[in-house]
């Protein structure tokens, strides 16, 4: 079929605009026809419409899937991000990172979605749709225009997956902030000497790329093998609406049919 029908004719015919339960933004067409078998014609205001760019044949779809994390399961923020942040810290320390990083405290006001991490220079970048650099941060130090131009001619960086990692999900917020913490810590620590692409301590050279990879691996470990899931379930106060969503689905048996 060429259009999506979200509300049954029976529901619409038994309710009037403004009545309890009537969908907001839905209005009767001024040219509504009331002929036999035609029912009413309705339209939604533009702000409430869903637009598709091709026909969708629902009869060919057998199963419907829903994303779980941050969709069906809505996590409390910043409590959930703070838990992930702390678990990643602990994992890094268990791998040999300095004990001092356990003192880092998660600050939800700093990380945002969509930042790029330049693994070569260890910078967090905010870019526009074309790769033009709008903001450049090294640790917690915001670079000046001349400093940005020195590293990135024309204040531009090509999106190269071998160099750039895009932190584009809500799950990336803890590691975004932890990357900033680690870069700031190693860059300003008296025990380390700053290099253009990393830090040195005696014969030990830590590149920003290796620090990033350690954080990435620790993050994956926490999500897959670590305690993030068990701590989330055990805590009970990190989920906002997981239960209520399934409660709604279970009660709506008149329009939900699950076929095994």
C-alpha atoms as a PDB file:
ATOM      1  CA  UNK A   1       0.000   0.000   0.000  1.00  0.00           C
ATOM      2  CA  UNK A   2       1.137   3.538  -0.741  1.00  0.00           C
ATOM      3  CA  UNK A   3       0.259   5.222   2.527  1.00  0.00           C
ATOM      4  CA  UNK A   4       0.541   4.473   6.220  1.00  0.00           C
ATOM      5  CA  UNK A   5      -2.609   4.316   8.301  1.00  0.00           C
ATOM      6  CA  UNK A   6      -1.947   4.829  11.997  1.00  0.00           C
ATOM      7  CA  UNK A   7      -5.441   5.238  13.444  1.00  0.00           C
ATOM      8  CA  UNK A   8      -8.468   3.080  12.704  1.00  0.00           C
ATOM      9  CA  UNK A   9     -11.583   4.538  11.076  1.00  0.00           C
ATOM     10  CA  UNK A  10     -13.620   3.186  13.968  1.00  0.00           C
ATOM     11  CA  UNK A  11     -11.621   5.229  16.463  1.00  0.00           C
ATOM     12  CA  UNK A  12     -11.964   8.383  14.392  1.00  0.00           C
ATOM     13  CA  UNK A  13     -15.654   7.946  13.730  1.00  0.00           C
ATOM     14  CA  UNK A  14     -16.384   7.586  17.450  1.00  0.00           C
ATOM     15  CA  UNK A  15     -14.414  10.625  18.598  1.00  0.00           C
ATOM     16  CA  UNK A  16     -14.378  14.306  17.867  1.00  0.00           C
ATOM     17  CA  UNK A  17     -11.441  16.715  17.777  1.00  0.00           C
ATOM     18  CA  UNK A  18     -10.724  17.902  21.292  1.00  0.00           C
ATOM     19  CA  UNK A  19     -12.301  14.879  22.986  1.00  0.00           C
ATOM     20  CA  UNK A  20     -10.249  12.817  25.463  1.00  0.00           C
ATOM     21  CA  UNK A  21      -7.951  10.410  23.663  1.00  0.00           C
ATOM     22  CA  UNK A  22      -8.298  12.140  20.295  1.00  0.00           C
ATOM     23  CA  UNK A  23      -4.837  12.356  18.695  1.00  0.00           C
ATOM     24  CA  UNK A  24      -3.373  15.881  18.858  1.00  0.00           C
ATOM     25  CA  UNK A  25      -2.773  17.563  15.545  1.00  0.00           C
ATOM     26  CA  UNK A  26      -5.328  15.430  13.713  1.00  0.00           C
ATOM     27  CA  UNK A  27      -8.131  17.386  12.040  1.00  0.00           C
ATOM     28  CA  UNK A  28     -11.028  16.516   9.755  1.00  0.00           C
ATOM     29  CA  UNK A  29     -10.455  17.506   6.169  1.00  0.00           C
ATOM     30  CA  UNK A  30     -12.548  20.523   5.155  1.00  0.00           C
ATOM     31  CA  UNK A  31     -13.528  18.494   2.088  1.00  0.00           C
ATOM     32  CA  UNK A  32     -14.345  15.317   4.029  1.00  0.00           C
ATOM     33  CA  UNK A  33     -16.617  12.966   2.133  1.00  0.00           C
ATOM     34  CA  UNK A  34     -19.172  10.839   3.953  1.00  0.00           C
ATOM     35  CA  UNK A  35     -20.122   8.288   1.344  1.00  0.00           C
ATOM     36  CA  UNK A  36     -20.921   4.591   1.846  1.00  0.00           C
ATOM     37  CA  UNK A  37     -17.757   2.680   2.657  1.00  0.00           C
ATOM     38  CA  UNK A  38     -15.556   5.722   2.276  1.00  0.00           C
ATOM     39  CA  UNK A  39     -15.558   6.949   5.879  1.00  0.00           C
ATOM     40  CA  UNK A  40     -14.059  10.290   6.709  1.00  0.00           C
ATOM     41  CA  UNK A  41     -10.946  11.814   5.260  1.00  0.00           C
ATOM     42  CA  UNK A  42      -8.528  13.170   7.813  1.00  0.00           C
ATOM     43  CA  UNK A  43      -5.291  15.048   7.680  1.00  0.00           C
ATOM     44  CA  UNK A  44      -2.594  15.914  10.179  1.00  0.00           C
ATOM     45  CA  UNK A  45      -1.016  19.291  10.649  1.00  0.00           C
ATOM     46  CA  UNK A  46       2.463  19.396   9.126  1.00  0.00           C
ATOM     47  CA  UNK A  47       4.184  19.285  12.525  1.00  0.00           C
ATOM     48  CA  UNK A  48       2.489  15.957  13.285  1.00  0.00           C
ATOM     49  CA  UNK A  49       2.945  14.214   9.938  1.00  0.00           C
ATOM     50  CA  UNK A  50       5.258  11.348   9.039  1.00  0.00           C
ATOM     51  CA  UNK A  51       6.720  11.571   5.557  1.00  0.00           C
ATOM     52  CA  UNK A  52       8.057   8.668   3.485  1.00  0.00           C
ATOM     53  CA  UNK A  53       9.967   8.868   0.235  1.00  0.00           C
ATOM     54  CA  UNK A  54       8.755   5.605  -1.271  1.00  0.00           C
ATOM     55  CA  UNK A  55       5.895   3.139  -1.089  1.00  0.00           C
ATOM     56  CA  UNK A  56       5.914   0.723   1.818  1.00  0.00           C
ATOM     57  CA  UNK A  57       4.146  -2.626   1.488  1.00  0.00           C
ATOM     58  CA  UNK A  58       3.423  -3.645   5.053  1.00  0.00           C
ATOM     59  CA  UNK A  59       1.942  -6.952   3.922  1.00  0.00           C
ATOM     60  CA  UNK A  60       5.479  -8.082   3.044  1.00  0.00           C
ATOM     61  CA  UNK A  61       6.824  -7.389   6.534  1.00  0.00           C
ATOM     62  CA  UNK A  62       6.571 -10.289   8.983  1.00  0.00           C
ATOM     63  CA  UNK A  63       8.446  -8.943  11.994  1.00  0.00           C
ATOM     64  CA  UNK A  64       8.849  -5.526  13.555  1.00  0.00           C
ATOM     65  CA  UNK A  65      11.909  -4.731  15.651  1.00  0.00           C
ATOM     66  CA  UNK A  66      12.523  -1.919  18.092  1.00  0.00           C
ATOM     67  CA  UNK A  67      15.868  -0.598  19.237  1.00  0.00           C
ATOM     68  CA  UNK A  68      16.245  -1.341  22.939  1.00  0.00           C
ATOM     69  CA  UNK A  69      18.802   1.087  24.343  1.00  0.00           C
ATOM     70  CA  UNK A  70      17.707   4.717  24.644  1.00  0.00           C
ATOM     71  CA  UNK A  71      14.517   3.835  22.724  1.00  0.00           C
ATOM     72  CA  UNK A  72      12.407   1.220  24.482  1.00  0.00           C
ATOM     73  CA  UNK A  73      14.716   1.365  27.481  1.00  0.00           C
ATOM     74  CA  UNK A  74      15.149   5.016  28.383  1.00  0.00           C
ATOM     75  CA  UNK A  75      18.009   5.520  30.801  1.00  0.00           C
ATOM     76  CA  UNK A  76      18.239   8.154  33.483  1.00  0.00           C
ATOM     77  CA  UNK A  77      20.838  10.759  32.685  1.00  0.00           C
ATOM     78  CA  UNK A  78      23.444  11.503  33.922  1.00  0.00           C
ATOM     79  CA  UNK A  79      23.272   8.579  36.383  1.00  0.00           C
ATOM     80  CA  UNK A  80      23.623   5.972  33.652  1.00  0.00           C
ATOM     81  CA  UNK A  81      26.510   7.752  31.917  1.00  0.00           C
ATOM     82  CA  UNK A  82      28.253   8.210  35.264  1.00  0.00           C
ATOM     83  CA  UNK A  83      28.031   4.471  35.937  1.00  0.00           C
ATOM     84  CA  UNK A  84      29.566   3.665  32.553  1.00  0.00           C
ATOM     85  CA  UNK A  85      32.274   6.279  33.095  1.00  0.00           C
ATOM     86  CA  UNK A  86      33.261   4.784  36.454  1.00  0.00           C
ATOM     87  CA  UNK A  87      33.324   1.226  35.126  1.00  0.00           C
ATOM     88  CA  UNK A  88      35.548   2.210  32.198  1.00  0.00           C
ATOM     89  CA  UNK A  89      37.936   3.969  34.600  1.00  0.00           C
ATOM     90  CA  UNK A  90      38.180   0.841  36.725  1.00  0.00           C
ATOM     91  CA  UNK A  91      38.835  -1.293  33.667  1.00  0.00           C
ATOM     92  CA  UNK A  92      41.680   0.973  32.529  1.00  0.00           C
ATOM     93  CA  UNK A  93      43.308   0.899  35.971  1.00  0.00           C
ATOM     94  CA  UNK A  94      43.121  -2.899  35.963  1.00  0.00           C
ATOM     95  CA  UNK A  95      45.049  -2.786  32.670  1.00  0.00           C
ATOM     96  CA  UNK A  96      47.844  -0.693  34.161  1.00  0.00           C
ATOM     97  CA  UNK A  97      46.690   2.908  33.890  1.00  0.00           C
ATOM     98  CA  UNK A  98      47.604   5.200  36.821  1.00  0.00           C
ATOM     99  CA  UNK A  99      45.459   4.943  39.949  1.00  0.00           C
ATOM    100  CA  UNK A 100      44.979   8.717  39.811  1.00  0.00           C
ATOM    101  CA  UNK A 101      42.393   8.411  37.051  1.00  0.00           C
ATOM    102  CA  UNK A 102      39.993   6.862  39.564  1.00  0.00           C
ATOM    103  CA  UNK A 103      39.670  10.381  40.970  1.00  0.00           C
ATOM    104  CA  UNK A 104      38.053  11.638  37.762  1.00  0.00           C
ATOM    105  CA  UNK A 105      34.420  12.653  38.244  1.00  0.00           C
ATOM    106  CA  UNK A 106      31.939  12.609  35.391  1.00  0.00           C
ATOM    107  CA  UNK A 107      30.731  16.062  34.319  1.00  0.00           C
ATOM    108  CA  UNK A 108      27.594  15.773  32.147  1.00  0.00           C
ATOM    109  CA  UNK A 109      27.865  19.390  31.001  1.00  0.00           C
ATOM    110  CA  UNK A 110      30.987  18.737  28.897  1.00  0.00           C
ATOM    111  CA  UNK A 111      30.381  15.878  26.420  1.00  0.00           C
ATOM    112  CA  UNK A 112      27.923  16.147  23.544  1.00  0.00           C
ATOM    113  CA  UNK A 113      27.015  13.758  20.758  1.00  0.00           C
ATOM    114  CA  UNK A 114      28.620  14.008  17.353  1.00  0.00           C
ATOM    115  CA  UNK A 115      32.138  15.106  18.272  1.00  0.00           C
ATOM    116  CA  UNK A 116      35.096  13.792  16.304  1.00  0.00           C
ATOM    117  CA  UNK A 117      38.169  12.462  18.069  1.00  0.00           C
ATOM    118  CA  UNK A 118      41.377  13.006  16.120  1.00  0.00           C
ATOM    119  CA  UNK A 119      43.516  10.066  17.185  1.00  0.00           C
ATOM    120  CA  UNK A 120      46.656  11.656  15.716  1.00  0.00           C
ATOM    121  CA  UNK A 121      46.707  14.824  17.821  1.00  0.00           C
ATOM    122  CA  UNK A 122      44.352  13.750  20.599  1.00  0.00           C
ATOM    123  CA  UNK A 123      41.822  16.503  19.964  1.00  0.00           C
ATOM    124  CA  UNK A 124      38.051  16.541  20.280  1.00  0.00           C
ATOM    125  CA  UNK A 125      36.574  18.388  17.325  1.00  0.00           C
ATOM    126  CA  UNK A 126      33.206  19.913  16.659  1.00  0.00           C
ATOM    127  CA  UNK A 127      32.776  20.129  12.892  1.00  0.00           C
ATOM    128  CA  UNK A 128      30.088  21.179  10.473  1.00  0.00           C
ATOM    129  CA  UNK A 129      28.567  18.943   7.803  1.00  0.00           C
ATOM    130  CA  UNK A 130      31.547  19.517   5.493  1.00  0.00           C
ATOM    131  CA  UNK A 131      34.364  18.809   7.950  1.00  0.00           C
ATOM    132  CA  UNK A 132      35.151  22.436   8.741  1.00  0.00           C
ATOM    133  CA  UNK A 133      36.387  22.681  12.321  1.00  0.00           C
ATOM    134  CA  UNK A 134      34.243  24.882  14.550  1.00  0.00           C
ATOM    135  CA  UNK A 135      35.776  24.027  17.943  1.00  0.00           C
ATOM    136  CA  UNK A 136      38.976  22.182  18.848  1.00  0.00           C
ATOM    137  CA  UNK A 137      39.697  20.980  22.388  1.00  0.00           C
ATOM    138  CA  UNK A 138      42.854  19.272  23.652  1.00  0.00           C
ATOM    139  CA  UNK A 139      41.901  17.731  26.965  1.00  0.00           C
ATOM    140  CA  UNK A 140      40.048  20.660  28.489  1.00  0.00           C
ATOM    141  CA  UNK A 141      42.070  23.338  26.689  1.00  0.00           C
ATOM    142  CA  UNK A 142      40.240  25.112  23.880  1.00  0.00           C
ATOM    143  CA  UNK A 143      42.715  25.848  21.097  1.00  0.00           C
ATOM    144  CA  UNK A 144      42.946  29.341  19.627  1.00  0.00           C
ATOM    145  CA  UNK A 145      42.470  30.009  15.929  1.00  0.00           C
ATOM    146  CA  UNK A 146      46.191  30.140  15.144  1.00  0.00           C
ATOM    147  CA  UNK A 147      46.757  26.886  17.061  1.00  0.00           C
ATOM    148  CA  UNK A 148      43.986  25.181  15.106  1.00  0.00           C
ATOM    149  CA  UNK A 149      45.387  26.406  11.772  1.00  0.00           C
ATOM    150  CA  UNK A 150      48.810  25.060  12.724  1.00  0.00           C
ATOM    151  CA  UNK A 151      47.435  21.540  13.083  1.00  0.00           C
ATOM    152  CA  UNK A 152      44.649  21.705  10.506  1.00  0.00           C
ATOM    153  CA  UNK A 153      45.327  23.843   7.405  1.00  0.00           C
ATOM    154  CA  UNK A 154      42.187  25.767   6.422  1.00  0.00           C
ATOM    155  CA  UNK A 155      40.582  24.513   9.657  1.00  0.00           C
ATOM    156  CA  UNK A 156      39.450  21.416   7.797  1.00  0.00           C
ATOM    157  CA  UNK A 157      39.830  17.683   8.409  1.00  0.00           C
ATOM    158  CA  UNK A 158      38.824  14.904   6.056  1.00  0.00           C
ATOM    159  CA  UNK A 159      36.733  12.188   7.686  1.00  0.00           C
ATOM    160  CA  UNK A 160      39.222   9.328   7.552  1.00  0.00           C
ATOM    161  CA  UNK A 161      38.197   6.322   9.636  1.00  0.00           C
ATOM    162  CA  UNK A 162      41.831   5.327  10.160  1.00  0.00           C
ATOM    163  CA  UNK A 163      42.377   8.626  11.976  1.00  0.00           C
ATOM    164  CA  UNK A 164      39.000   9.981  13.076  1.00  0.00           C
ATOM    165  CA  UNK A 165      36.433   8.339  15.322  1.00  0.00           C
ATOM    166  CA  UNK A 166      32.949   9.839  15.409  1.00  0.00           C
ATOM    167  CA  UNK A 167      31.394   9.786  18.889  1.00  0.00           C
ATOM    168  CA  UNK A 168      27.829   9.951  17.647  1.00  0.00           C
ATOM    169  CA  UNK A 169      25.718   7.964  20.119  1.00  0.00           C
ATOM    170  CA  UNK A 170      24.541   8.526  23.672  1.00  0.00           C
ATOM    171  CA  UNK A 171      26.633   5.527  24.685  1.00  0.00           C
ATOM    172  CA  UNK A 172      29.705   7.510  23.586  1.00  0.00           C
ATOM    173  CA  UNK A 173      29.193  10.280  26.157  1.00  0.00           C
ATOM    174  CA  UNK A 174      31.170   8.597  28.983  1.00  0.00           C
ATOM    175  CA  UNK A 175      34.146   7.773  26.763  1.00  0.00           C
ATOM    176  CA  UNK A 176      34.045  11.253  25.224  1.00  0.00           C
ATOM    177  CA  UNK A 177      34.517  12.790  28.642  1.00  0.00           C
ATOM    178  CA  UNK A 178      37.056  10.161  29.697  1.00  0.00           C
ATOM    179  CA  UNK A 179      39.160  10.849  26.599  1.00  0.00           C
ATOM    180  CA  UNK A 180      39.223  14.535  27.531  1.00  0.00           C
ATOM    181  CA  UNK A 181      40.184  13.628  31.113  1.00  0.00           C
ATOM    182  CA  UNK A 182      43.024  11.351  30.037  1.00  0.00           C
ATOM    183  CA  UNK A 183      44.451  13.755  27.466  1.00  0.00           C
ATOM    184  CA  UNK A 184      44.335  16.551  30.033  1.00  0.00           C
ATOM    185  CA  UNK A 185      45.906  14.334  32.724  1.00  0.00           C
ATOM    186  CA  UNK A 186      48.826  13.033  30.655  1.00  0.00           C
ATOM    187  CA  UNK A 187      49.476  16.380  28.954  1.00  0.00           C
ATOM    188  CA  UNK A 188      49.713  18.310  32.226  1.00  0.00           C
ATOM    189  CA  UNK A 189      51.312  15.657  34.449  1.00  0.00           C
ATOM    190  CA  UNK A 190      54.877  16.397  35.585  1.00  0.00           C
ATOM    191  CA  UNK A 191      55.700  12.721  35.024  1.00  0.00           C
ATOM    192  CA  UNK A 192      55.098  12.980  31.283  1.00  0.00           C
ATOM    193  CA  UNK A 193      56.590  15.074  28.508  1.00  0.00           C
ATOM    194  CA  UNK A 194      54.192  16.253  25.833  1.00  0.00           C
ATOM    195  CA  UNK A 195      54.837  15.296  22.233  1.00  0.00           C
ATOM    196  CA  UNK A 196      52.844  16.395  19.198  1.00  0.00           C
ATOM    197  CA  UNK A 197      51.173  13.013  18.820  1.00  0.00           C
ATOM    198  CA  UNK A 198      51.387  11.677  22.380  1.00  0.00           C
ATOM    199  CA  UNK A 199      53.279  11.820  25.681  1.00  0.00           C
ATOM    200  CA  UNK A 200      56.557  10.347  26.938  1.00  0.00           C
ATOM    201  CA  UNK A 201      57.711   9.090  30.307  1.00  0.00           C
ATOM    202  CA  UNK A 202      61.321   7.909  30.171  1.00  0.00           C
ATOM    203  CA  UNK A 203      61.479   5.251  27.464  1.00  0.00           C
ATOM    204  CA  UNK A 204      57.708   4.872  27.447  1.00  0.00           C
ATOM    205  CA  UNK A 205      55.880   6.541  24.574  1.00  0.00           C
ATOM    206  CA  UNK A 206      52.081   6.719  24.697  1.00  0.00           C
ATOM    207  CA  UNK A 207      50.527   7.953  21.485  1.00  0.00           C
ATOM    208  CA  UNK A 208      47.126   9.586  21.593  1.00  0.00           C
ATOM    209  CA  UNK A 209      45.960   6.868  19.232  1.00  0.00           C
ATOM    210  CA  UNK A 210      46.979   4.128  21.690  1.00  0.00           C
ATOM    211  CA  UNK A 211      45.191   5.951  24.528  1.00  0.00           C
ATOM    212  CA  UNK A 212      42.079   6.174  22.372  1.00  0.00           C
ATOM    213  CA  UNK A 213      42.257   2.478  21.485  1.00  0.00           C
ATOM    214  CA  UNK A 214      42.612   1.532  25.148  1.00  0.00           C
ATOM    215  CA  UNK A 215      39.521   3.578  26.018  1.00  0.00           C
ATOM    216  CA  UNK A 216      37.605   2.092  23.084  1.00  0.00           C
ATOM    217  CA  UNK A 217      38.522  -1.466  24.077  1.00  0.00           C
ATOM    218  CA  UNK A 218      37.686  -0.806  27.733  1.00  0.00           C
ATOM    219  CA  UNK A 219      34.316   0.641  26.729  1.00  0.00           C
ATOM    220  CA  UNK A 220      33.474  -2.406  24.619  1.00  0.00           C
ATOM    221  CA  UNK A 221      34.564  -4.702  27.435  1.00  0.00           C
ATOM    222  CA  UNK A 222      32.353  -2.915  29.967  1.00  0.00           C
ATOM    223  CA  UNK A 223      29.333  -3.201  27.661  1.00  0.00           C
ATOM    224  CA  UNK A 224      29.882  -6.788  26.525  1.00  0.00           C
ATOM    225  CA  UNK A 225      31.728  -8.601  29.312  1.00  0.00           C
ATOM    226  CA  UNK A 226      31.680  -6.174  32.206  1.00  0.00           C
ATOM    227  CA  UNK A 227      29.183  -5.213  34.869  1.00  0.00           C
ATOM    228  CA  UNK A 228      27.251  -2.452  33.097  1.00  0.00           C
ATOM    229  CA  UNK A 229      24.182  -4.575  32.352  1.00  0.00           C
ATOM    230  CA  UNK A 230      24.134  -6.315  35.732  1.00  0.00           C
ATOM    231  CA  UNK A 231      24.646  -3.043  37.598  1.00  0.00           C
ATOM    232  CA  UNK A 232      21.835  -1.455  35.585  1.00  0.00           C
ATOM    233  CA  UNK A 233      19.430  -4.257  36.465  1.00  0.00           C
ATOM    234  CA  UNK A 234      20.558  -4.430  40.087  1.00  0.00           C
ATOM    235  CA  UNK A 235      20.330  -0.695  40.635  1.00  0.00           C
ATOM    236  CA  UNK A 236      16.747  -0.370  39.473  1.00  0.00           C
ATOM    237  CA  UNK A 237      16.944   3.429  39.406  1.00  0.00           C
ATOM    238  CA  UNK A 238      18.723   3.848  36.071  1.00  0.00           C
ATOM    239  CA  UNK A 239      15.713   3.144  33.852  1.00  0.00           C
ATOM    240  CA  UNK A 240      12.973   5.717  33.330  1.00  0.00           C
ATOM    241  CA  UNK A 241      10.303   4.104  31.190  1.00  0.00           C
ATOM    242  CA  UNK A 242      11.221   0.537  30.234  1.00  0.00           C
ATOM    243  CA  UNK A 243       8.420  -0.954  32.365  1.00  0.00           C
ATOM    244  CA  UNK A 244       5.754   1.540  31.360  1.00  0.00           C
ATOM    245  CA  UNK A 245       6.371   1.012  27.659  1.00  0.00           C
ATOM    246  CA  UNK A 246       5.802  -2.718  27.944  1.00  0.00           C
ATOM    247  CA  UNK A 247       2.806  -2.084  30.188  1.00  0.00           C
ATOM    248  CA  UNK A 248       1.284   0.042  27.438  1.00  0.00           C
ATOM    249  CA  UNK A 249       1.962  -2.579  24.780  1.00  0.00           C
ATOM    250  CA  UNK A 250       0.495  -5.390  26.851  1.00  0.00           C
ATOM    251  CA  UNK A 251      -2.707  -3.459  27.503  1.00  0.00           C
ATOM    252  CA  UNK A 252      -3.202  -2.466  23.875  1.00  0.00           C
ATOM    253  CA  UNK A 253      -4.251  -5.963  22.825  1.00  0.00           C
ATOM    254  CA  UNK A 254      -6.883  -4.636  20.446  1.00  0.00           C
ATOM    255  CA  UNK A 255      -4.267  -3.352  18.016  1.00  0.00           C
ATOM    256  CA  UNK A 256      -1.133  -5.329  18.826  1.00  0.00           C
ATOM    257  CA  UNK A 257      -0.828  -8.864  17.505  1.00  0.00           C
ATOM    258  CA  UNK A 258       2.387 -10.845  17.858  1.00  0.00           C
ATOM    259  CA  UNK A 259       2.690 -13.823  15.579  1.00  0.00           C
ATOM    260  CA  UNK A 260       5.326 -16.468  16.321  1.00  0.00           C
END
